[in-house]
Amino acid sequence: MLRQRLRELGYAQGRNVAIEVRAVAQPERFRKVAAELVALGVDVIVASGTATTRATQEVTNTIPIVMVSLGNPGSAGFV
C-alpha cells in the first residue's frame, strides 16, 4: 500500500526514492539493524512496535522515526 501510494504521488523506487527494508524477528538485533540504517544515511525510519522503536530511538536523535503498531506512544515514553 505504501509503495502504491508513493507511485501515485510520483515517486518511483530507484528513480527518486529508495526504500530499505529490514525485517528482524530477534529483539537483540533491533539496535544493530537500526544503527545500520542510520549509517546508510536514510531520511526517515519506520519502526514497528515498542521494542523496535526504542532501539531505533537509542541509536539516533536526528532521523525522524515513524512509529507504527504501538498501543500508546505517550505512555511508552516516546512522545
N, C-alpha and C. Protein backbone atom coordinates (compact mmCIF):
# COMPACT_ATOMS: atom_id res chain seq x y z
N MET A 1 0.82 -1.19 0.00
CA MET A 1 0.00 0.00 0.00
C MET A 1 0.87 1.26 0.00
N LEU A 2 1.92 1.26 0.80
CA LEU A 2 2.82 2.42 0.84
C LEU A 2 3.47 2.65 -0.52
N ARG A 3 4.00 1.60 -1.10
CA ARG A 3 4.66 1.75 -2.40
C ARG A 3 3.68 2.21 -3.47
N GLN A 4 2.46 1.69 -3.44
CA GLN A 4 1.45 2.10 -4.40
C GLN A 4 1.15 3.58 -4.25
N ARG A 5 0.98 4.03 -3.03
CA ARG A 5 0.67 5.45 -2.80
C ARG A 5 1.84 6.34 -3.21
N LEU A 6 3.05 5.89 -2.94
CA LEU A 6 4.22 6.66 -3.37
C LEU A 6 4.24 6.81 -4.89
N ARG A 7 3.93 5.71 -5.60
CA ARG A 7 3.86 5.78 -7.07
C ARG A 7 2.81 6.78 -7.52
N GLU A 8 1.66 6.76 -6.86
CA GLU A 8 0.59 7.70 -7.21
C GLU A 8 1.03 9.15 -7.01
N LEU A 9 1.94 9.36 -6.06
CA LEU A 9 2.44 10.71 -5.78
C LEU A 9 3.65 11.07 -6.63
N GLY A 10 4.04 10.15 -7.53
CA GLY A 10 5.14 10.44 -8.44
C GLY A 10 6.50 9.93 -8.01
N TYR A 11 6.54 9.12 -6.97
CA TYR A 11 7.81 8.55 -6.53
C TYR A 11 7.99 7.17 -7.13
N ALA A 12 9.21 6.86 -7.55
CA ALA A 12 9.50 5.55 -8.15
C ALA A 12 10.78 5.00 -7.55
N GLN A 13 10.70 3.77 -7.08
CA GLN A 13 11.86 3.09 -6.49
C GLN A 13 13.03 3.13 -7.47
N GLY A 14 14.18 3.58 -7.00
CA GLY A 14 15.37 3.64 -7.83
C GLY A 14 15.51 4.90 -8.66
N ARG A 15 14.43 5.65 -8.76
CA ARG A 15 14.49 6.89 -9.55
C ARG A 15 14.57 8.10 -8.63
N ASN A 16 13.59 8.25 -7.75
CA ASN A 16 13.60 9.40 -6.85
C ASN A 16 13.26 9.03 -5.40
N VAL A 17 13.26 7.73 -5.12
CA VAL A 17 13.07 7.27 -3.75
C VAL A 17 13.73 5.90 -3.61
N ALA A 18 14.29 5.65 -2.45
CA ALA A 18 14.86 4.33 -2.15
C ALA A 18 14.23 3.85 -0.84
N ILE A 19 13.76 2.63 -0.85
CA ILE A 19 13.17 2.04 0.34
C ILE A 19 14.05 0.89 0.79
N GLU A 20 14.60 1.00 1.98
CA GLU A 20 15.44 -0.04 2.57
C GLU A 20 14.58 -0.80 3.57
N VAL A 21 14.38 -2.07 3.34
CA VAL A 21 13.52 -2.87 4.22
C VAL A 21 14.38 -3.81 5.06
N ARG A 22 14.10 -3.82 6.35
CA ARG A 22 14.75 -4.75 7.26
C ARG A 22 13.66 -5.40 8.10
N ALA A 23 13.56 -6.71 8.04
CA ALA A 23 12.60 -7.46 8.85
C ALA A 23 13.40 -8.31 9.83
N VAL A 24 13.29 -7.97 11.09
CA VAL A 24 14.09 -8.63 12.11
C VAL A 24 13.16 -9.17 13.19
N ALA A 25 13.28 -10.45 13.48
CA ALA A 25 12.42 -11.07 14.49
C ALA A 25 13.11 -11.19 15.85
N GLN A 26 14.41 -11.05 15.88
CA GLN A 26 15.15 -11.20 17.13
C GLN A 26 15.37 -9.84 17.79
N PRO A 27 14.73 -9.59 18.94
CA PRO A 27 14.86 -8.30 19.61
C PRO A 27 16.31 -7.88 19.88
N GLU A 28 17.19 -8.83 20.10
CA GLU A 28 18.59 -8.48 20.38
C GLU A 28 19.28 -7.87 19.15
N ARG A 29 18.68 -7.99 17.99
CA ARG A 29 19.26 -7.42 16.76
C ARG A 29 18.66 -6.07 16.37
N PHE A 30 17.59 -5.64 17.04
CA PHE A 30 16.90 -4.39 16.67
C PHE A 30 17.86 -3.21 16.64
N ARG A 31 18.65 -3.06 17.67
CA ARG A 31 19.54 -1.91 17.76
C ARG A 31 20.60 -1.93 16.65
N LYS A 32 21.15 -3.11 16.36
CA LYS A 32 22.16 -3.23 15.30
C LYS A 32 21.58 -2.86 13.94
N VAL A 33 20.38 -3.33 13.67
CA VAL A 33 19.74 -3.02 12.39
C VAL A 33 19.41 -1.53 12.29
N ALA A 34 18.95 -0.95 13.38
CA ALA A 34 18.68 0.49 13.38
C ALA A 34 19.96 1.27 13.12
N ALA A 35 21.06 0.86 13.74
CA ALA A 35 22.35 1.53 13.51
C ALA A 35 22.79 1.39 12.06
N GLU A 36 22.50 0.25 11.45
CA GLU A 36 22.82 0.04 10.04
C GLU A 36 22.07 1.04 9.17
N LEU A 37 20.79 1.26 9.47
CA LEU A 37 20.00 2.22 8.70
C LEU A 37 20.52 3.64 8.90
N VAL A 38 20.91 3.96 10.11
CA VAL A 38 21.48 5.28 10.38
C VAL A 38 22.76 5.46 9.58
N ALA A 39 23.60 4.43 9.54
CA ALA A 39 24.86 4.51 8.78
C ALA A 39 24.62 4.68 7.29
N LEU A 40 23.50 4.15 6.80
CA LEU A 40 23.16 4.32 5.39
C LEU A 40 22.73 5.76 5.06
N GLY A 41 22.41 6.53 6.10
CA GLY A 41 22.00 7.91 5.89
C GLY A 41 20.57 8.07 5.44
N VAL A 42 19.69 7.19 5.89
CA VAL A 42 18.29 7.28 5.49
C VAL A 42 17.67 8.58 6.00
N ASP A 43 16.60 9.00 5.37
CA ASP A 43 15.92 10.24 5.73
C ASP A 43 14.86 10.04 6.80
N VAL A 44 14.32 8.83 6.89
CA VAL A 44 13.29 8.52 7.88
C VAL A 44 13.33 7.02 8.14
N ILE A 45 12.98 6.63 9.38
CA ILE A 45 12.91 5.21 9.73
C ILE A 45 11.50 4.91 10.21
N VAL A 46 10.92 3.84 9.69
CA VAL A 46 9.62 3.37 10.16
C VAL A 46 9.89 2.20 11.08
N ALA A 47 9.48 2.33 12.33
CA ALA A 47 9.71 1.29 13.33
C ALA A 47 8.37 0.73 13.78
N SER A 48 8.29 -0.59 13.80
CA SER A 48 7.05 -1.27 14.16
C SER A 48 7.17 -1.88 15.55
N GLY A 49 6.35 -1.41 16.46
CA GLY A 49 6.35 -1.96 17.81
C GLY A 49 7.21 -1.17 18.78
N THR A 50 6.95 -1.39 20.04
CA THR A 50 7.63 -0.64 21.10
C THR A 50 9.13 -0.95 21.15
N ALA A 51 9.51 -2.22 21.12
CA ALA A 51 10.92 -2.59 21.24
C ALA A 51 11.74 -2.06 20.07
N THR A 52 11.20 -2.15 18.88
CA THR A 52 11.90 -1.66 17.70
C THR A 52 12.03 -0.14 17.74
N THR A 53 10.97 0.53 18.14
CA THR A 53 11.01 1.99 18.24
C THR A 53 12.04 2.42 19.28
N ARG A 54 12.06 1.76 20.43
CA ARG A 54 13.01 2.11 21.48
C ARG A 54 14.45 1.90 21.00
N ALA A 55 14.72 0.78 20.35
CA ALA A 55 16.07 0.51 19.84
C ALA A 55 16.48 1.57 18.83
N THR A 56 15.57 1.96 17.98
CA THR A 56 15.86 2.98 16.97
C THR A 56 16.13 4.32 17.64
N GLN A 57 15.33 4.65 18.62
CA GLN A 57 15.50 5.91 19.35
C GLN A 57 16.85 5.96 20.07
N GLU A 58 17.34 4.80 20.48
CA GLU A 58 18.63 4.74 21.17
C GLU A 58 19.81 5.02 20.26
N VAL A 59 19.65 4.80 18.96
CA VAL A 59 20.78 4.99 18.04
C VAL A 59 20.72 6.28 17.24
N THR A 60 19.59 6.98 17.28
CA THR A 60 19.53 8.27 16.55
C THR A 60 18.57 9.23 17.25
N ASN A 61 18.97 10.47 17.26
CA ASN A 61 18.05 11.53 17.69
C ASN A 61 17.95 12.61 16.62
N THR A 62 18.44 12.28 15.42
CA THR A 62 18.38 13.24 14.32
C THR A 62 17.51 12.77 13.16
N ILE A 63 17.31 11.47 13.03
CA ILE A 63 16.49 10.94 11.93
C ILE A 63 15.07 10.75 12.45
N PRO A 64 14.08 11.28 11.76
CA PRO A 64 12.68 11.09 12.20
C PRO A 64 12.31 9.60 12.22
N ILE A 65 11.57 9.23 13.24
CA ILE A 65 11.11 7.84 13.40
C ILE A 65 9.59 7.84 13.31
N VAL A 66 9.06 7.10 12.37
CA VAL A 66 7.62 6.92 12.26
C VAL A 66 7.29 5.64 13.01
N MET A 67 6.45 5.77 14.03
CA MET A 67 6.11 4.64 14.89
C MET A 67 4.78 4.04 14.44
N VAL A 68 4.77 2.73 14.24
CA VAL A 68 3.53 2.03 13.90
C VAL A 68 3.37 0.84 14.84
N SER A 69 2.14 0.40 14.97
CA SER A 69 1.81 -0.77 15.81
C SER A 69 2.20 -0.58 17.27
N LEU A 70 1.93 0.61 17.78
CA LEU A 70 2.16 0.88 19.19
C LEU A 70 0.82 1.10 19.87
N GLY A 71 0.70 0.59 21.08
CA GLY A 71 -0.54 0.80 21.82
C GLY A 71 -0.72 2.26 22.21
N ASN A 72 0.25 2.81 22.94
CA ASN A 72 0.17 4.18 23.41
C ASN A 72 1.57 4.76 23.45
N PRO A 73 1.97 5.50 22.41
CA PRO A 73 3.32 6.05 22.37
C PRO A 73 3.63 6.99 23.54
N GLY A 74 2.62 7.66 24.04
CA GLY A 74 2.84 8.56 25.18
C GLY A 74 3.22 7.81 26.43
N SER A 75 2.48 6.76 26.77
CA SER A 75 2.79 6.02 27.99
C SER A 75 4.08 5.21 27.84
N ALA A 76 4.49 4.93 26.59
CA ALA A 76 5.75 4.23 26.36
C ALA A 76 6.94 5.19 26.45
N GLY A 77 6.66 6.50 26.56
CA GLY A 77 7.72 7.49 26.71
C GLY A 77 8.31 8.00 25.41
N PHE A 78 7.63 7.79 24.30
CA PHE A 78 8.15 8.24 23.01
C PHE A 78 7.73 9.66 22.66
N VAL A 79 6.61 10.10 23.20
CA VAL A 79 6.15 11.47 22.92
C VAL A 79 5.81 12.17 24.22
